[in-house]
N, C-alpha and C. Protein backbone atom coordinates (compact mmCIF):
# COMPACT_ATOMS: atom_id res chain seq x y z
N MET A 1 -41.86 -4.52 -3.86
CA MET A 1 -41.80 -3.88 -5.15
C MET A 1 -40.63 -2.90 -5.19
N LYS A 2 -39.85 -3.00 -6.22
CA LYS A 2 -38.68 -2.15 -6.37
C LYS A 2 -39.09 -0.78 -6.90
N HIS A 3 -38.56 0.26 -6.27
CA HIS A 3 -38.86 1.62 -6.71
C HIS A 3 -37.91 2.03 -7.82
N LYS A 4 -38.41 2.83 -8.73
CA LYS A 4 -37.59 3.39 -9.79
C LYS A 4 -36.67 4.45 -9.21
N LYS A 5 -35.43 4.44 -9.69
CA LYS A 5 -34.49 5.46 -9.22
C LYS A 5 -34.83 6.79 -9.87
N THR A 6 -34.79 7.82 -9.05
CA THR A 6 -35.05 9.16 -9.56
C THR A 6 -33.84 9.65 -10.34
N PRO A 7 -34.02 10.61 -11.22
CA PRO A 7 -32.87 11.17 -11.94
C PRO A 7 -31.79 11.70 -10.98
N ARG A 8 -32.22 12.29 -9.88
CA ARG A 8 -31.26 12.81 -8.90
C ARG A 8 -30.45 11.66 -8.29
N ARG A 9 -31.12 10.58 -7.91
CA ARG A 9 -30.44 9.43 -7.32
C ARG A 9 -29.43 8.83 -8.31
N LYS A 10 -29.82 8.74 -9.57
CA LYS A 10 -28.92 8.21 -10.60
C LYS A 10 -27.68 9.09 -10.73
N LEU A 11 -27.87 10.40 -10.68
CA LEU A 11 -26.75 11.34 -10.78
C LEU A 11 -25.82 11.20 -9.58
N VAL A 12 -26.39 11.09 -8.38
CA VAL A 12 -25.59 10.93 -7.16
C VAL A 12 -24.75 9.65 -7.25
N GLU A 13 -25.35 8.57 -7.70
CA GLU A 13 -24.61 7.31 -7.83
C GLU A 13 -23.48 7.43 -8.85
N LYS A 14 -23.74 8.12 -9.95
CA LYS A 14 -22.72 8.33 -10.98
C LYS A 14 -21.56 9.17 -10.43
N LEU A 15 -21.89 10.23 -9.71
CA LEU A 15 -20.86 11.09 -9.11
C LEU A 15 -20.05 10.33 -8.07
N ASP A 16 -20.71 9.49 -7.27
CA ASP A 16 -19.99 8.67 -6.27
C ASP A 16 -18.99 7.75 -6.96
N LYS A 17 -19.41 7.12 -8.06
CA LYS A 17 -18.54 6.20 -8.79
C LYS A 17 -17.35 6.95 -9.41
N LEU A 18 -17.61 8.10 -10.00
CA LEU A 18 -16.54 8.91 -10.59
C LEU A 18 -15.55 9.37 -9.52
N TRP A 19 -16.06 9.78 -8.38
CA TRP A 19 -15.21 10.21 -7.27
C TRP A 19 -14.30 9.06 -6.85
N SER A 20 -14.86 7.88 -6.70
CA SER A 20 -14.10 6.71 -6.30
C SER A 20 -12.98 6.39 -7.29
N GLN A 21 -13.30 6.46 -8.57
CA GLN A 21 -12.30 6.19 -9.60
C GLN A 21 -11.17 7.21 -9.56
N GLU A 22 -11.51 8.46 -9.38
CA GLU A 22 -10.50 9.52 -9.33
C GLU A 22 -9.60 9.41 -8.10
N VAL A 23 -10.18 9.03 -6.97
CA VAL A 23 -9.39 8.84 -5.75
C VAL A 23 -8.38 7.71 -5.97
N ARG A 24 -8.82 6.61 -6.58
CA ARG A 24 -7.92 5.48 -6.82
C ARG A 24 -6.85 5.81 -7.85
N LYS A 25 -7.15 6.71 -8.79
CA LYS A 25 -6.12 7.17 -9.74
C LYS A 25 -5.07 8.01 -9.00
N LYS A 26 -5.54 8.87 -8.13
CA LYS A 26 -4.65 9.78 -7.41
C LYS A 26 -3.80 9.04 -6.38
N MET A 27 -4.39 8.04 -5.74
CA MET A 27 -3.70 7.27 -4.69
C MET A 27 -3.74 5.79 -5.07
N PRO A 28 -2.80 5.32 -5.86
CA PRO A 28 -2.85 3.94 -6.34
C PRO A 28 -2.39 2.89 -5.33
N ARG A 29 -2.11 3.29 -4.10
CA ARG A 29 -1.69 2.35 -3.06
C ARG A 29 -2.52 2.56 -1.78
N CYS A 30 -2.71 1.45 -1.05
CA CYS A 30 -3.38 1.53 0.25
C CYS A 30 -2.52 2.37 1.19
N ILE A 31 -3.13 3.28 1.91
CA ILE A 31 -2.37 4.16 2.82
C ILE A 31 -1.87 3.42 4.05
N VAL A 32 -2.38 2.21 4.33
CA VAL A 32 -1.96 1.44 5.50
C VAL A 32 -0.90 0.41 5.14
N CYS A 33 -1.20 -0.43 4.13
CA CYS A 33 -0.31 -1.56 3.84
C CYS A 33 0.44 -1.46 2.52
N GLY A 34 0.09 -0.49 1.67
CA GLY A 34 0.77 -0.32 0.40
C GLY A 34 0.26 -1.21 -0.73
N ALA A 35 -0.80 -1.97 -0.50
CA ALA A 35 -1.35 -2.83 -1.55
C ALA A 35 -1.75 -1.99 -2.76
N THR A 36 -1.67 -2.61 -3.94
CA THR A 36 -2.01 -1.88 -5.16
C THR A 36 -3.20 -2.49 -5.90
N THR A 37 -3.75 -3.57 -5.38
CA THR A 37 -4.90 -4.21 -6.01
C THR A 37 -6.07 -4.27 -5.04
N ASN A 38 -7.27 -4.40 -5.59
CA ASN A 38 -8.49 -4.56 -4.80
C ASN A 38 -8.70 -3.40 -3.82
N LEU A 39 -8.39 -2.19 -4.25
CA LEU A 39 -8.50 -1.02 -3.37
C LEU A 39 -9.91 -0.47 -3.34
N ASN A 40 -10.27 0.09 -2.21
CA ASN A 40 -11.54 0.79 -2.04
C ASN A 40 -11.25 2.25 -1.73
N SER A 41 -12.13 3.12 -2.18
CA SER A 41 -12.01 4.54 -1.87
C SER A 41 -12.86 4.86 -0.64
N HIS A 42 -12.30 5.65 0.24
CA HIS A 42 -13.01 6.04 1.45
C HIS A 42 -12.85 7.54 1.66
N HIS A 43 -13.81 8.12 2.35
CA HIS A 43 -13.76 9.55 2.66
C HIS A 43 -12.95 9.78 3.93
N ALA A 44 -12.06 10.75 3.89
CA ALA A 44 -11.32 11.14 5.09
C ALA A 44 -12.28 11.82 6.06
N ILE A 45 -13.10 12.71 5.55
CA ILE A 45 -14.20 13.31 6.32
C ILE A 45 -15.45 12.63 5.81
N VAL A 46 -16.19 11.98 6.69
CA VAL A 46 -17.31 11.15 6.26
C VAL A 46 -18.25 11.88 5.32
N ARG A 47 -18.73 11.15 4.32
CA ARG A 47 -19.56 11.77 3.29
C ARG A 47 -20.91 12.22 3.83
N LYS A 48 -21.30 11.72 5.00
CA LYS A 48 -22.57 12.16 5.58
C LYS A 48 -22.50 13.63 6.00
N ALA A 49 -21.30 14.14 6.07
CA ALA A 49 -21.09 15.56 6.40
C ALA A 49 -21.25 16.38 5.12
N GLN A 50 -22.31 16.12 4.39
CA GLN A 50 -22.54 16.80 3.12
C GLN A 50 -22.65 18.30 3.28
N SER A 51 -23.07 18.72 4.45
CA SER A 51 -23.22 20.16 4.67
C SER A 51 -21.85 20.86 4.58
N LEU A 52 -20.78 20.09 4.74
CA LEU A 52 -19.45 20.66 4.61
C LEU A 52 -19.01 20.75 3.15
N GLY A 53 -19.79 20.12 2.27
CA GLY A 53 -19.49 20.18 0.84
C GLY A 53 -18.27 19.40 0.43
N VAL A 54 -17.97 18.29 1.12
CA VAL A 54 -16.76 17.53 0.84
C VAL A 54 -17.01 16.17 0.18
N ARG A 55 -18.24 15.83 -0.08
CA ARG A 55 -18.55 14.48 -0.57
C ARG A 55 -17.80 14.12 -1.84
N TRP A 56 -17.70 15.00 -2.82
CA TRP A 56 -17.08 14.66 -4.10
C TRP A 56 -15.74 15.36 -4.32
N ILE A 57 -15.13 15.84 -3.28
CA ILE A 57 -13.81 16.45 -3.39
C ILE A 57 -12.77 15.32 -3.34
N VAL A 58 -12.02 15.16 -4.40
CA VAL A 58 -11.06 14.06 -4.51
C VAL A 58 -10.02 14.11 -3.38
N ASP A 59 -9.62 15.30 -2.98
CA ASP A 59 -8.64 15.43 -1.89
C ASP A 59 -9.18 14.95 -0.55
N ASN A 60 -10.46 14.70 -0.46
CA ASN A 60 -11.08 14.16 0.75
C ASN A 60 -11.11 12.63 0.71
N GLY A 61 -10.45 12.02 -0.26
CA GLY A 61 -10.48 10.57 -0.39
C GLY A 61 -9.15 9.92 -0.09
N VAL A 62 -9.22 8.69 0.39
CA VAL A 62 -8.05 7.84 0.60
C VAL A 62 -8.36 6.46 0.06
N THR A 63 -7.31 5.70 -0.26
CA THR A 63 -7.51 4.34 -0.72
C THR A 63 -7.08 3.36 0.36
N LEU A 64 -7.90 2.33 0.53
CA LEU A 64 -7.62 1.30 1.53
C LEU A 64 -7.88 -0.08 0.96
N TYR A 65 -7.01 -1.03 1.31
CA TYR A 65 -7.22 -2.43 1.02
C TYR A 65 -8.30 -2.90 2.01
N PRO A 66 -9.16 -3.85 1.64
CA PRO A 66 -10.26 -4.25 2.54
C PRO A 66 -9.83 -4.60 3.97
N LEU A 67 -8.76 -5.37 4.14
CA LEU A 67 -8.34 -5.71 5.50
C LEU A 67 -7.77 -4.50 6.24
N SER A 68 -7.20 -3.57 5.51
CA SER A 68 -6.71 -2.34 6.13
C SER A 68 -7.87 -1.49 6.61
N THR A 69 -8.99 -1.53 5.88
CA THR A 69 -10.19 -0.81 6.30
C THR A 69 -10.61 -1.30 7.68
N ASN A 70 -10.59 -2.61 7.87
CA ASN A 70 -10.95 -3.18 9.17
C ASN A 70 -10.00 -2.68 10.26
N TYR A 71 -8.72 -2.59 9.93
CA TYR A 71 -7.73 -2.09 10.88
C TYR A 71 -8.03 -0.65 11.27
N ILE A 72 -8.37 0.17 10.30
CA ILE A 72 -8.68 1.58 10.57
C ILE A 72 -9.90 1.69 11.49
N VAL A 73 -10.91 0.87 11.22
CA VAL A 73 -12.17 0.94 11.98
C VAL A 73 -12.03 0.36 13.38
N THR A 74 -11.38 -0.80 13.51
CA THR A 74 -11.34 -1.49 14.80
C THR A 74 -10.03 -1.35 15.55
N GLY A 75 -8.95 -1.02 14.82
CA GLY A 75 -7.64 -0.95 15.45
C GLY A 75 -6.99 -2.32 15.58
N LYS A 76 -7.64 -3.36 15.04
CA LYS A 76 -7.11 -4.72 15.11
C LYS A 76 -6.81 -5.23 13.71
N GLN A 77 -5.63 -5.79 13.56
CA GLN A 77 -5.25 -6.35 12.26
C GLN A 77 -5.75 -7.78 12.19
N ILE A 78 -6.39 -8.12 11.06
CA ILE A 78 -6.91 -9.47 10.86
C ILE A 78 -6.25 -10.04 9.62
N GLY A 79 -5.54 -11.14 9.77
CA GLY A 79 -4.94 -11.81 8.62
C GLY A 79 -3.86 -10.98 7.96
N ARG A 80 -3.48 -11.45 6.79
CA ARG A 80 -2.48 -10.72 6.00
C ARG A 80 -3.18 -9.67 5.15
N ALA A 81 -2.58 -8.55 4.98
CA ALA A 81 -3.18 -7.49 4.15
C ALA A 81 -3.17 -7.86 2.69
N HIS A 82 -2.16 -8.61 2.21
CA HIS A 82 -2.10 -9.05 0.81
C HIS A 82 -1.06 -10.12 0.64
């Protein structure tokens, strides 16, 4: 059975989406490969560090192309970035 989202959860999801959009506006290119399409927003300081109050700070965000994300995480390049 699916649980109803609480008003707080809905707000958090909305703020996450807005943060992501603002990061991609501020940084329209992947920081690794320079791609300009299919970008994802990522936290420079992980968002689980909420106690630091950085989850929705746009300056804490970077944009990465999906294959570049893999490179950042594993250190191995897979395929062409774009």
